[in-house]
C-alpha atoms as a PDB file:
ATOM      1  CA  MET A   1     -37.965  39.866  60.444  1.00  0.00           C
ATOM      2  CA  GLY A   2     -36.208  38.494  57.401  1.00  0.00           C
ATOM      3  CA  ASP A   3     -37.207  37.479  53.915  1.00  0.00           C
ATOM      4  CA  LEU A   4     -39.187  34.309  53.216  1.00  0.00           C
ATOM      5  CA  VAL A   5     -37.501  32.334  50.463  1.00  0.00           C
ATOM      6  CA  THR A   6     -39.148  29.792  48.150  1.00  0.00           C
ATOM      7  CA  ALA A   7     -37.778  27.868  45.174  1.00  0.00           C
ATOM      8  CA  ARG A   8     -38.180  30.813  42.781  1.00  0.00           C
ATOM      9  CA  LEU A   9     -39.210  33.754  44.949  1.00  0.00           C
ATOM     10  CA  VAL A  10     -38.264  35.985  47.833  1.00  0.00           C
ATOM     11  CA  LEU A  11     -41.129  37.395  49.912  1.00  0.00           C
ATOM     12  CA  HIS A  12     -39.674  40.573  51.336  1.00  0.00           C
ATOM     13  CA  PRO A  13     -41.453  42.196  54.322  1.00  0.00           C
ATOM     14  CA  MET A  14     -41.957  45.834  53.402  1.00  0.00           C
ATOM     15  CA  THR A  15     -40.730  48.709  55.483  1.00  0.00           C
ATOM     16  CA  ALA A  16     -42.579  51.998  55.776  1.00  0.00           C
ATOM     17  CA  GLY A  17     -39.903  53.651  53.627  1.00  0.00           C
ATOM     18  CA  GLU A  18     -40.331  51.054  50.898  1.00  0.00           C
ATOM     19  CA  ALA A  19     -44.113  51.439  51.070  1.00  0.00           C
ATOM     20  CA  GLU A  20     -43.819  55.218  50.748  1.00  0.00           C
ATOM     21  CA  ARG A  21     -41.569  54.787  47.678  1.00  0.00           C
ATOM     22  CA  VAL A  22     -44.170  52.475  46.107  1.00  0.00           C
ATOM     23  CA  LEU A  23     -46.858  55.126  46.571  1.00  0.00           C
ATOM     24  CA  ALA A  24     -44.515  57.757  45.126  1.00  0.00           C
ATOM     25  CA  GLY A  25     -43.700  55.519  42.159  1.00  0.00           C
ATOM     26  CA  GLU A  26     -39.973  55.421  42.986  1.00  0.00           C
ATOM     27  CA  SER A  27     -38.228  52.047  43.280  1.00  0.00           C
ATOM     28  CA  GLY A  28     -35.096  53.413  45.019  1.00  0.00           C
ATOM     29  CA  GLY A  29     -32.809  51.637  47.456  1.00  0.00           C
ATOM     30  CA  GLY A  30     -31.403  49.337  44.765  1.00  0.00           C
ATOM     31  CA  THR A  31     -34.759  47.597  44.296  1.00  0.00           C
ATOM     32  CA  ARG A  32     -35.765  46.972  40.699  1.00  0.00           C
ATOM     33  CA  TRP A  33     -39.386  46.712  39.626  1.00  0.00           C
ATOM     34  CA  ALA A  34     -40.813  44.631  36.822  1.00  0.00           C
ATOM     35  CA  PRO A  35     -42.717  46.654  34.201  1.00  0.00           C
ATOM     36  CA  GLY A  36     -46.216  47.399  35.500  1.00  0.00           C
ATOM     37  CA  TYR A  37     -45.273  47.418  39.192  1.00  0.00           C
ATOM     38  CA  PRO A  38     -46.840  48.716  41.346  1.00  0.00           C
ATOM     39  CA  THR A  39     -50.362  47.773  40.346  1.00  0.00           C
ATOM     40  CA  GLU A  40     -53.470  49.383  41.825  1.00  0.00           C
ATOM     41  CA  GLY A  41     -53.715  46.408  44.210  1.00  0.00           C
ATOM     42  CA  ASP A  42     -50.124  46.926  45.368  1.00  0.00           C
ATOM     43  CA  ALA A  43     -50.826  50.588  46.084  1.00  0.00           C
ATOM     44  CA  SER A  44     -53.925  49.658  48.074  1.00  0.00           C
ATOM     45  CA  ALA A  45     -51.969  47.087  50.118  1.00  0.00           C
ATOM     46  CA  VAL A  46     -49.170  49.519  50.973  1.00  0.00           C
ATOM     47  CA  GLU A  47     -51.693  52.214  51.936  1.00  0.00           C
ATOM     48  CA  ARG A  48     -53.302  49.709  54.349  1.00  0.00           C
ATOM     49  CA  PHE A  49     -49.820  48.803  55.656  1.00  0.00           C
ATOM     50  CA  LEU A  50     -48.905  52.463  56.261  1.00  0.00           C
ATOM     51  CA  ARG A  51     -52.229  53.104  58.052  1.00  0.00           C
ATOM     52  CA  THR A  52     -51.539  50.123  60.300  1.00  0.00           C
ATOM     53  CA  CYS A  53     -48.042  51.404  61.037  1.00  0.00           C
ATOM     54  CA  ALA A  54     -49.467  54.803  61.965  1.00  0.00           C
ATOM     55  CA  ASP A  55     -52.403  53.463  63.985  1.00  0.00           C
ATOM     56  CA  THR A  56     -51.029  50.435  65.825  1.00  0.00           C
ATOM     57  CA  GLY A  57     -47.358  50.050  64.919  1.00  0.00           C
ATOM     58  CA  ASP A  58     -45.420  47.237  63.342  1.00  0.00           C
ATOM     59  CA  PRO A  59     -47.811  44.597  61.905  1.00  0.00           C
ATOM     60  CA  GLN A  60     -45.113  42.019  61.171  1.00  0.00           C
ATOM     61  CA  PRO A  61     -45.163  39.163  60.720  1.00  0.00           C
ATOM     62  CA  PHE A  62     -48.717  39.837  59.503  1.00  0.00           C
ATOM     63  CA  GLY A  63     -47.912  42.715  57.168  1.00  0.00           C
ATOM     64  CA  THR A  64     -47.197  43.333  53.498  1.00  0.00           C
ATOM     65  CA  TYR A  65     -44.581  41.506  51.435  1.00  0.00           C
ATOM     66  CA  GLU A  66     -43.080  42.276  48.052  1.00  0.00           C
ATOM     67  CA  ILE A  67     -42.855  39.268  45.750  1.00  0.00           C
ATOM     68  CA  ARG A  68     -39.400  39.248  44.146  1.00  0.00           C
ATOM     69  CA  ARG A  69     -38.009  36.775  41.626  1.00  0.00           C
ATOM     70  CA  ARG A  70     -34.914  35.083  43.032  1.00  0.00           C
ATOM     71  CA  GLU A  71     -33.197  34.974  39.642  1.00  0.00           C
ATOM     72  CA  ASP A  72     -32.971  38.751  39.228  1.00  0.00           C
ATOM     73  CA  GLY A  73     -34.464  40.352  42.369  1.00  0.00           C
ATOM     74  CA  ARG A  74     -37.177  42.188  40.437  1.00  0.00           C
ATOM     75  CA  VAL A  75     -40.381  42.996  42.306  1.00  0.00           C
ATOM     76  CA  ILE A  76     -43.220  41.334  40.392  1.00  0.00           C
ATOM     77  CA  GLY A  77     -46.098  41.814  42.836  1.00  0.00           C
ATOM     78  CA  GLY A  78     -47.184  41.601  46.435  1.00  0.00           C
ATOM     79  CA  VAL A  79     -48.855  39.399  49.002  1.00  0.00           C
ATOM     80  CA  ASP A  80     -50.170  40.588  52.326  1.00  0.00           C
ATOM     81  CA  PHE A  81     -52.145  39.917  55.439  1.00  0.00           C
ATOM     82  CA  HIS A  82     -55.049  42.366  55.699  1.00  0.00           C
ATOM     83  CA  GLY A  83     -54.611  42.684  59.450  1.00  0.00           C
ATOM     84  CA  PRO A  84     -53.569  40.876  62.589  1.00  0.00           C
ATOM     85  CA  VAL A  85     -54.819  37.488  63.685  1.00  0.00           C
ATOM     86  CA  ASP A  86     -58.367  37.828  65.035  1.00  0.00           C
ATOM     87  CA  GLU A  87     -59.773  36.326  68.242  1.00  0.00           C
ATOM     88  CA  HIS A  88     -60.578  33.095  66.358  1.00  0.00           C
ATOM     89  CA  GLY A  89     -57.013  32.633  65.087  1.00  0.00           C
ATOM     90  CA  SER A  90     -57.893  33.749  61.554  1.00  0.00           C
ATOM     91  CA  VAL A  91     -56.281  36.169  59.088  1.00  0.00           C
ATOM     92  CA  THR A  92     -57.247  37.379  55.626  1.00  0.00           C
ATOM     93  CA  ILE A  93     -54.811  37.558  52.711  1.00  0.00           C
ATOM     94  CA  GLY A  94     -54.515  39.227  49.356  1.00  0.00           C
ATOM     95  CA  TYR A  95     -52.018  38.976  46.507  1.00  0.00           C
ATOM     96  CA  GLY A  96     -51.337  40.138  42.995  1.00  0.00           C
ATOM     97  CA  LEU A  97     -48.763  40.056  40.231  1.00  0.00           C
ATOM     98  CA  VAL A  98     -47.942  42.355  37.356  1.00  0.00           C
ATOM     99  CA  PRO A  99     -49.686  41.091  34.190  1.00  0.00           C
ATOM    100  CA  SER A 100     -46.470  39.904  32.487  1.00  0.00           C
ATOM    101  CA  GLU A 101     -45.731  37.481  35.355  1.00  0.00           C
ATOM    102  CA  ARG A 102     -49.152  35.861  35.656  1.00  0.00           C
ATOM    103  CA  GLY A 103     -49.735  32.273  34.640  1.00  0.00           C
ATOM    104  CA  LYS A 104     -46.274  31.080  35.737  1.00  0.00           C
ATOM    105  CA  GLY A 105     -47.231  29.701  39.153  1.00  0.00           C
ATOM    106  CA  TYR A 106     -45.624  32.567  41.085  1.00  0.00           C
ATOM    107  CA  ALA A 107     -48.816  33.618  42.902  1.00  0.00           C
ATOM    108  CA  SER A 108     -49.545  30.059  44.081  1.00  0.00           C
ATOM    109  CA  GLU A 109     -45.924  29.634  45.196  1.00  0.00           C
ATOM    110  CA  ALA A 110     -46.016  32.887  47.168  1.00  0.00           C
ATOM    111  CA  LEU A 111     -49.397  32.085  48.697  1.00  0.00           C
ATOM    112  CA  ARG A 112     -48.294  28.566  49.737  1.00  0.00           C
ATOM    113  CA  ALA A 113     -45.284  30.085  51.512  1.00  0.00           C
ATOM    114  CA  LEU A 114     -47.458  32.623  53.318  1.00  0.00           C
ATOM    115  CA  LEU A 115     -49.975  29.943  54.354  1.00  0.00           C
ATOM    116  CA  LEU A 116     -47.182  27.816  55.829  1.00  0.00           C
ATOM    117  CA  TYR A 117     -45.699  30.856  57.535  1.00  0.00           C
ATOM    118  CA  ALA A 118     -49.054  31.741  59.103  1.00  0.00           C
ATOM    119  CA  ARG A 119     -49.662  28.166  60.234  1.00  0.00           C
ATOM    120  CA  GLU A 120     -46.221  27.992  61.860  1.00  0.00           C
ATOM    121  CA  ARG A 121     -47.137  31.107  63.850  1.00  0.00           C
ATOM    122  CA  GLY A 122     -50.324  29.672  65.334  1.00  0.00           C
ATOM    123  CA  VAL A 123     -52.869  30.862  62.799  1.00  0.00           C
ATOM    124  CA  THR A 124     -55.756  28.397  62.533  1.00  0.00           C
ATOM    125  CA  SER A 125     -57.301  29.707  59.301  1.00  0.00           C
ATOM    126  CA  VAL A 126     -56.413  31.956  56.392  1.00  0.00           C
ATOM    127  CA  LYS A 127     -59.213  33.456  54.316  1.00  0.00           C
ATOM    128  CA  GLY A 128     -59.298  35.065  50.902  1.00  0.00           C
ATOM    129  CA  ASP A 129     -61.785  35.971  48.200  1.00  0.00           C
ATOM    130  CA  ALA A 130     -61.951  36.759  44.510  1.00  0.00           C
ATOM    131  CA  ASP A 131     -64.557  38.155  42.175  1.00  0.00           C
ATOM    132  CA  HIS A 132     -66.660  35.489  40.427  1.00  0.00           C
ATOM    133  CA  ASP A 133     -65.066  36.232  37.049  1.00  0.00           C
ATOM    134  CA  ASN A 134     -61.498  36.060  38.419  1.00  0.00           C
ATOM    135  CA  ILE A 135     -61.090  32.358  37.666  1.00  0.00           C
ATOM    136  CA  ALA A 136     -57.286  32.661  37.665  1.00  0.00           C
ATOM    137  CA  SER A 137     -57.365  33.787  41.306  1.00  0.00           C
ATOM    138  CA  HIS A 138     -59.698  30.912  42.184  1.00  0.00           C
ATOM    139  CA  HIS A 139     -57.081  28.567  40.693  1.00  0.00           C
ATOM    140  CA  VAL A 140     -54.264  30.275  42.643  1.00  0.00           C
ATOM    141  CA  MET A 141     -56.025  29.785  45.965  1.00  0.00           C
ATOM    142  CA  THR A 142     -56.978  26.156  45.308  1.00  0.00           C
ATOM    143  CA  ALA A 143     -53.446  25.387  44.029  1.00  0.00           C
ATOM    144  CA  ALA A 144     -52.078  26.836  47.289  1.00  0.00           C
ATOM    145  CA  GLY A 145     -54.333  24.569  49.360  1.00  0.00           C
ATOM    146  CA  MET A 146     -57.307  26.821  50.062  1.00  0.00           C
ATOM    147  CA  ARG A 147     -60.841  25.505  49.570  1.00  0.00           C
ATOM    148  CA  PRO A 148     -64.021  27.308  48.462  1.00  0.00           C
ATOM    149  CA  THR A 149     -66.263  28.073  51.443  1.00  0.00           C
ATOM    150  CA  GLY A 150     -69.096  30.081  49.911  1.00  0.00           C
ATOM    151  CA  GLN A 151     -70.009  33.041  47.793  1.00  0.00           C
ATOM    152  CA  ASP A 152     -72.169  36.094  47.625  1.00  0.00           C
ATOM    153  CA  GLU A 153     -73.395  38.169  44.685  1.00  0.00           C
ATOM    154  CA  ARG A 154     -69.887  39.600  44.090  1.00  0.00           C
ATOM    155  CA  VAL A 155     -67.172  37.197  45.305  1.00  0.00           C
ATOM    156  CA  ARG A 156     -66.275  33.595  45.997  1.00  0.00           C
ATOM    157  CA  TYR A 157     -64.702  32.898  49.411  1.00  0.00           C
ATOM    158  CA  PHE A 158     -61.789  30.548  50.108  1.00  0.00           C
ATOM    159  CA  GLU A 159     -60.130  29.298  53.285  1.00  0.00           C
ATOM    160  CA  ALA A 160     -57.280  27.115  54.503  1.00  0.00           C
ATOM    161  CA  SER A 161     -57.691  25.897  58.067  1.00  0.00           C
ATOM    162  CA  TRP A 162     -55.829  23.680  60.490  1.00  0.00           C
ATOM    163  CA  THR A 163     -56.608  22.201  63.874  1.00  0.00           C
ATOM    164  CA  ASP A 164     -52.944  21.537  64.667  1.00  0.00           C
ATOM    165  CA  ALA A 165     -51.478  25.023  64.158  1.00  0.00           C
ATOM    166  CA  THR A 166     -48.237  25.618  66.016  1.00  0.00           C
ATOM    167  CA  ASP A 167     -48.308  27.928  69.034  1.00  0.00           C
ATOM    168  CA  ALA A 168     -47.206  31.335  67.775  1.00  0.00           C
ATOM    169  CA  THR A 169     -44.894  31.818  70.740  1.00  0.00           C
ATOM    170  CA  ASP A 170     -43.002  28.602  69.965  1.00  0.00           C
ATOM    171  CA  ALA A 171     -42.729  28.890  66.190  1.00  0.00           C
ATOM    172  CA  THR A 172     -39.414  29.638  64.559  1.00  0.00           C
ATOM    173  CA  ASP A 173     -38.337  29.620  60.948  1.00  0.00           C
ATOM    174  CA  ALA A 174     -34.868  29.577  59.431  1.00  0.00           C
ATOM    175  CA  THR A 175     -35.908  32.404  57.110  1.00  0.00           C
ATOM    176  CA  ASP A 176     -37.127  34.607  59.970  1.00  0.00           C
ATOM    177  CA  ALA A 177     -34.341  36.919  61.079  1.00  0.00           C
ATOM    178  CA  THR A 178     -34.631  39.948  63.292  1.00  0.00           C
ATOM    179  CA  ASP A 179     -32.186  42.800  62.956  1.00  0.00           C
ATOM    180  CA  GLY A 180     -33.698  44.987  65.683  1.00  0.00           C
ATOM    181  CA  THR A 181     -35.526  47.284  63.306  1.00  0.00           C
ATOM    182  CA  GLY A 182     -39.189  46.945  62.456  1.00  0.00           C
ATOM    183  CA  PRO A 183     -40.808  47.702  59.124  1.00  0.00           C
ATOM    184  CA  CYS A 184     -42.463  50.819  60.540  1.00  0.00           C
ATOM    185  CA  SER A 185     -39.067  52.260  61.536  1.00  0.00           C
END
């Protein structure tokens, strides 16, 4: 599986080795991190990714992605699927950026790319949530095309859904390349 490329970003599917380096706090492998990376959210996402690799194997294409700026290749955050597509065709997402890169539209751009990617692979809905006081995240999800669907005492829920999702077995993408090695390798 290859990188997903947008106008300003590269969404790079993480490998287990890259995830382990994030947890160890070591960029390595020629990857450069923006100041403040990884955040607590990034560490949580890579821990979930590594558990999935250990428990069920390669989660791609529904795994964890580094968000890199195209202009300099620096990792500025992450976006991920919290698990595989469920029996209803739904997945849950999460995302985050280092503080210095917030407010520039990067999170919405990354999320839009991941929503399109999921839709092209047969997903019928993508869900997300944010704490009530995280207005910036509410704006990110609505800017990416997700709509509020409810709330509880802690969070507000969002969803993007489609009735015409492409069959996952037929979907292809010019940015999706397979080199024979999976991210859990």
